[in-house]
């Protein structure tokens, strides 16, 4: 926020679920609201899960993390190799951190009420933050958007209109992407057709790359990329560099 103010930047704060999802979310969002009300172009993004993912050797797990989260080693789940799916003991945690520091983990520690509060907030955009290694990692990489529809829109935590905006127009506006995020005349013909009642994410911590259900069509630039849930042309999408 200080950098955004000093240099007049379009400012984005990422990972707020895994950064403020431990009892600080209400205070954090109040701070961002004050700066936004005073003219700073400030938004946040959050993925719709109560579990974060990172490598076991990251600073997140430095000495003192158990006290910070008020928890034990068993909240750390290992995602790769012979330890896949195992919850840590202190002995296992220290062994893997010393011998396999790049191993991906998921940590079941974020407060549900904090993530729900973030996802419903007007200044928060949906993020996926997919991190996979050889097909292992957090299911958000393959399931974030259908999971958001199923668990947040369909349950009434977020309205359909607000939820669609968080996945489309809000992100396009934040990145100043003309022609993206809407269906107005002159927009790019990028369209997703689905029935929210049938959308289901199948990606789990055991199978994080499982395909979702209920996405009937994905149209990119007027051409069909997905039909009846199956990818028929994987060359239509492109990375956006800003």
Protein backbone atom coordinates (compact mmCIF):
# COMPACT_ATOMS: atom_id res chain seq x y z
CA UNK A 1 0.00 0.00 0.00
CA UNK A 2 2.86 2.37 0.85
CA UNK A 3 4.47 1.69 -2.54
CA UNK A 4 1.17 2.23 -4.32
CA UNK A 5 0.70 5.58 -2.62
CA UNK A 6 4.26 6.76 -3.16
CA UNK A 7 4.40 5.92 -6.87
CA UNK A 8 0.72 6.25 -7.80
CA UNK A 9 0.46 2.59 -8.75
CA UNK A 10 -2.44 0.35 -9.65
CA UNK A 11 -2.04 -1.85 -6.57
CA UNK A 12 -2.91 -5.51 -6.03
CA UNK A 13 -2.45 -7.49 -2.81
CA UNK A 14 -2.39 -11.23 -3.46
CA UNK A 15 -2.87 -14.34 -1.32
CA UNK A 16 -4.97 -12.54 1.28
CA UNK A 17 -6.59 -15.78 2.41
CA UNK A 18 -3.24 -17.33 3.28
CA UNK A 19 -1.89 -14.02 4.61
CA UNK A 20 -4.80 -12.71 6.71
CA UNK A 21 -6.95 -15.82 7.05
CA UNK A 22 -5.99 -16.50 10.64
CA UNK A 23 -8.28 -14.09 12.45
CA UNK A 24 -7.05 -10.81 10.89
CA UNK A 25 -9.29 -10.61 7.82
CA UNK A 26 -11.89 -8.13 9.10
CA UNK A 27 -9.24 -5.65 10.22
CA UNK A 28 -7.26 -6.14 7.02
CA UNK A 29 -10.25 -5.47 4.75
CA UNK A 30 -11.15 -2.38 6.75
CA UNK A 31 -7.65 -1.03 6.09
CA UNK A 32 -7.93 -1.66 2.34
CA UNK A 33 -11.39 -0.05 2.29
CA UNK A 34 -10.04 3.15 3.82
CA UNK A 35 -7.28 3.49 1.23
CA UNK A 36 -9.65 2.65 -1.63
CA UNK A 37 -12.13 5.25 -0.37
CA UNK A 38 -9.35 7.83 -0.45
CA UNK A 39 -8.56 7.18 -4.10
CA UNK A 40 -5.93 4.43 -4.20
CA UNK A 41 -6.61 1.93 -7.01
CA UNK A 42 -6.31 -1.00 -4.63
CA UNK A 43 -7.74 -4.52 -4.91
CA UNK A 44 -6.95 -7.94 -3.50
CA UNK A 45 -7.25 -11.51 -4.71
CA UNK A 46 -8.04 -14.71 -2.87
CA UNK A 47 -8.43 -18.36 -3.80
CA UNK A 48 -11.61 -20.08 -2.57
CA UNK A 49 -10.08 -22.71 -0.29
CA UNK A 50 -9.33 -22.96 3.40
CA UNK A 51 -5.94 -24.56 2.82
CA UNK A 52 -2.80 -22.99 1.39
CA UNK A 53 0.06 -24.64 -0.52
CA UNK A 54 3.80 -24.03 -0.61
CA UNK A 55 7.11 -25.88 -0.61
CA UNK A 56 8.13 -27.32 2.73
CA UNK A 57 11.43 -25.43 2.59
CA UNK A 58 9.76 -22.03 2.26
CA UNK A 59 9.99 -19.30 4.90
CA UNK A 60 6.36 -19.99 5.78
CA UNK A 61 7.56 -23.01 7.75
CA UNK A 62 10.47 -21.33 9.51
CA UNK A 63 10.80 -21.76 13.26
CA UNK A 64 7.80 -20.30 15.08
CA UNK A 65 5.12 -21.11 12.50
CA UNK A 66 3.28 -23.40 14.91
CA UNK A 67 2.97 -20.59 17.45
CA UNK A 68 1.86 -18.17 14.73
CA UNK A 69 -0.94 -20.50 13.62
CA UNK A 70 -1.69 -21.91 17.11
CA UNK A 71 -1.55 -25.44 15.77
CA UNK A 72 0.49 -28.65 15.50
CA UNK A 73 2.56 -30.35 12.81
CA UNK A 74 -0.37 -32.49 11.68
CA UNK A 75 -1.92 -29.58 9.71
CA UNK A 76 0.90 -30.00 7.16
CA UNK A 77 0.06 -32.53 4.43
CA UNK A 78 2.80 -33.79 2.08
CA UNK A 79 1.92 -33.98 -1.61
CA UNK A 80 4.67 -35.90 -3.39
CA UNK A 81 6.52 -39.19 -3.63
CA UNK A 82 6.32 -41.88 -0.99
CA UNK A 83 4.99 -39.37 1.54
CA UNK A 84 2.06 -38.26 -0.62
CA UNK A 85 -1.10 -37.78 1.44
CA UNK A 86 0.67 -38.13 4.78
CA UNK A 87 0.18 -35.65 7.61
CA UNK A 88 3.34 -34.58 9.39
CA UNK A 89 4.67 -35.43 12.80
CA UNK A 90 7.53 -33.29 14.09
CA UNK A 91 10.00 -36.01 13.10
CA UNK A 92 8.60 -36.38 9.57
CA UNK A 93 8.38 -32.61 9.09
CA UNK A 94 12.02 -32.04 10.01
CA UNK A 95 13.21 -35.00 7.93
CA UNK A 96 11.40 -33.94 4.75
CA UNK A 97 12.29 -30.26 5.18
CA UNK A 98 15.96 -31.18 5.47
CA UNK A 99 16.05 -33.78 2.69
CA UNK A 100 13.35 -32.58 0.24
CA UNK A 101 12.97 -28.81 0.70
CA UNK A 102 11.21 -28.42 -2.67
CA UNK A 103 8.44 -30.86 -1.79
CA UNK A 104 4.99 -29.30 -2.18
CA UNK A 105 2.75 -29.31 0.87
CA UNK A 106 -0.74 -28.15 1.71
CA UNK A 107 -1.44 -26.65 5.10
CA UNK A 108 -4.93 -27.01 6.60
CA UNK A 109 -4.95 -23.99 8.84
CA UNK A 110 -6.92 -21.05 7.37
CA UNK A 111 -10.11 -19.92 9.16
CA UNK A 112 -13.26 -20.59 7.15
CA UNK A 113 -14.98 -17.41 8.27
CA UNK A 114 -12.01 -15.30 7.15
CA UNK A 115 -11.89 -16.78 3.65
CA UNK A 116 -15.68 -16.47 3.30
CA UNK A 117 -15.45 -12.82 4.34
CA UNK A 118 -12.74 -12.16 1.77
CA UNK A 119 -14.55 -13.90 -1.10
CA UNK A 120 -17.72 -11.87 -0.47
CA UNK A 121 -15.92 -8.52 -0.30
CA UNK A 122 -16.41 -6.08 -3.18
CA UNK A 123 -12.70 -5.29 -3.40
CA UNK A 124 -11.60 -8.92 -3.77
CA UNK A 125 -11.11 -10.74 -7.08
CA UNK A 126 -11.02 -14.52 -7.47
CA UNK A 127 -7.53 -16.00 -7.84
CA UNK A 128 -6.31 -19.53 -8.45
CA UNK A 129 -2.55 -19.34 -7.78
CA UNK A 130 -2.02 -22.84 -9.15
CA UNK A 131 1.18 -24.51 -7.97
CA UNK A 132 1.82 -28.04 -9.23
CA UNK A 133 4.86 -30.26 -9.47
CA UNK A 134 4.53 -33.37 -11.64
CA UNK A 135 0.76 -33.19 -11.28
CA UNK A 136 0.83 -32.92 -7.49
CA UNK A 137 -0.07 -29.96 -5.33
CA UNK A 138 -3.13 -27.90 -4.47
CA UNK A 139 -6.46 -28.56 -6.27
CA UNK A 140 -6.92 -24.82 -6.81
CA UNK A 141 -4.74 -25.16 -9.93
CA UNK A 142 -7.50 -27.11 -11.73
CA UNK A 143 -10.55 -26.47 -9.59
CA UNK A 144 -10.58 -22.89 -8.27
CA UNK A 145 -13.28 -21.45 -10.55
CA UNK A 146 -15.77 -24.37 -10.49
CA UNK A 147 -15.10 -24.73 -6.76
CA UNK A 148 -15.98 -21.06 -6.28
CA UNK A 149 -19.24 -21.53 -8.21
CA UNK A 150 -20.21 -24.66 -6.29
CA UNK A 151 -19.15 -23.66 -2.78
CA UNK A 152 -19.66 -19.89 -2.77
CA UNK A 153 -22.18 -18.91 -5.45
CA UNK A 154 -24.49 -21.93 -5.21
CA UNK A 155 -24.51 -21.74 -1.41
CA UNK A 156 -25.44 -18.05 -1.41
CA UNK A 157 -22.21 -16.81 0.14
CA UNK A 158 -21.67 -14.71 -3.01
CA UNK A 159 -24.39 -13.68 -5.49
CA UNK A 160 -24.25 -15.00 -9.04
CA UNK A 161 -23.75 -11.51 -10.50
CA UNK A 162 -20.97 -10.60 -8.06
CA UNK A 163 -19.35 -14.01 -8.49
CA UNK A 164 -19.28 -13.75 -12.28
CA UNK A 165 -17.76 -10.27 -11.98
CA UNK A 166 -15.03 -11.56 -9.67
CA UNK A 167 -14.10 -14.16 -12.29
CA UNK A 168 -14.35 -11.92 -15.37
CA UNK A 169 -14.96 -8.18 -15.57
CA UNK A 170 -13.30 -7.22 -12.27
CA UNK A 171 -10.07 -8.95 -13.25
CA UNK A 172 -10.16 -7.54 -16.81
CA UNK A 173 -10.74 -4.02 -15.48
CA UNK A 174 -7.90 -4.38 -12.98
CA UNK A 175 -5.50 -5.35 -15.76
CA UNK A 176 -6.90 -2.75 -18.20
CA UNK A 177 -7.72 -5.46 -20.74
CA UNK A 178 -9.96 -3.88 -23.33
CA UNK A 179 -12.38 -6.28 -24.97
CA UNK A 180 -12.19 -8.75 -22.11
CA UNK A 181 -14.49 -9.58 -19.20
CA UNK A 182 -17.86 -8.75 -20.76
CA UNK A 183 -20.30 -9.39 -23.60
CA UNK A 184 -20.78 -5.83 -24.82
CA UNK A 185 -20.72 -5.05 -28.53
CA UNK A 186 -17.12 -4.99 -29.72
CA UNK A 187 -15.83 -7.29 -26.98
CA UNK A 188 -13.68 -10.31 -27.80
CA UNK A 189 -15.85 -13.39 -28.34
CA UNK A 190 -14.62 -15.13 -25.19
CA UNK A 191 -17.58 -16.93 -23.64
CA UNK A 192 -18.07 -19.69 -21.07
CA UNK A 193 -21.44 -21.44 -21.11
CA UNK A 194 -22.47 -23.41 -18.04
CA UNK A 195 -25.35 -24.21 -15.72
CA UNK A 196 -24.23 -23.19 -12.23
CA UNK A 197 -26.42 -25.90 -10.71
CA UNK A 198 -24.40 -28.64 -12.41
CA UNK A 199 -20.90 -27.20 -12.04
CA UNK A 200 -18.69 -29.33 -9.85
CA UNK A 201 -14.97 -29.31 -9.18
CA UNK A 202 -13.46 -32.79 -9.01
CA UNK A 203 -9.93 -31.71 -8.13
CA UNK A 204 -8.98 -32.87 -4.64
CA UNK A 205 -5.81 -32.98 -2.59
CA UNK A 206 -5.45 -36.63 -3.59
CA UNK A 207 -6.11 -35.88 -7.29
CA UNK A 208 -5.44 -32.15 -7.80
CA UNK A 209 -5.65 -32.18 -11.63
CA UNK A 210 -9.04 -33.91 -12.00
CA UNK A 211 -11.23 -32.15 -14.57
CA UNK A 212 -14.40 -30.32 -13.45
CA UNK A 213 -17.95 -31.09 -14.54
CA UNK A 214 -20.70 -28.82 -15.84
CA UNK A 215 -18.73 -26.58 -18.23
CA UNK A 216 -20.66 -26.99 -21.48
CA UNK A 217 -18.69 -24.68 -23.78
CA UNK A 218 -15.64 -22.46 -23.74
CA UNK A 219 -15.42 -20.15 -26.74
CA UNK A 220 -12.21 -18.16 -27.31
CA UNK A 221 -12.10 -15.55 -30.02
CA UNK A 222 -15.30 -16.97 -31.49
CA UNK A 223 -13.89 -20.50 -31.79
CA UNK A 224 -14.86 -23.48 -29.65
CA UNK A 225 -12.14 -24.62 -27.27
CA UNK A 226 -14.28 -26.84 -25.02
CA UNK A 227 -17.44 -28.67 -26.03
CA UNK A 228 -19.57 -30.63 -23.55
CA UNK A 229 -16.77 -30.56 -21.01
CA UNK A 230 -14.06 -31.85 -23.33
CA UNK A 231 -11.14 -29.83 -24.73
CA UNK A 232 -11.30 -29.97 -28.52
CA UNK A 233 -8.80 -27.21 -29.30
CA UNK A 234 -6.08 -26.40 -26.79
CA UNK A 235 -4.31 -23.85 -29.00
CA UNK A 236 -6.81 -21.00 -28.75
CA UNK A 237 -5.84 -19.53 -25.42
CA UNK A 238 -2.80 -17.33 -24.92
CA UNK A 239 -0.91 -15.88 -22.01
CA UNK A 240 -1.49 -12.21 -21.27
CA UNK A 241 1.69 -10.28 -20.55
CA UNK A 242 1.33 -6.92 -18.82
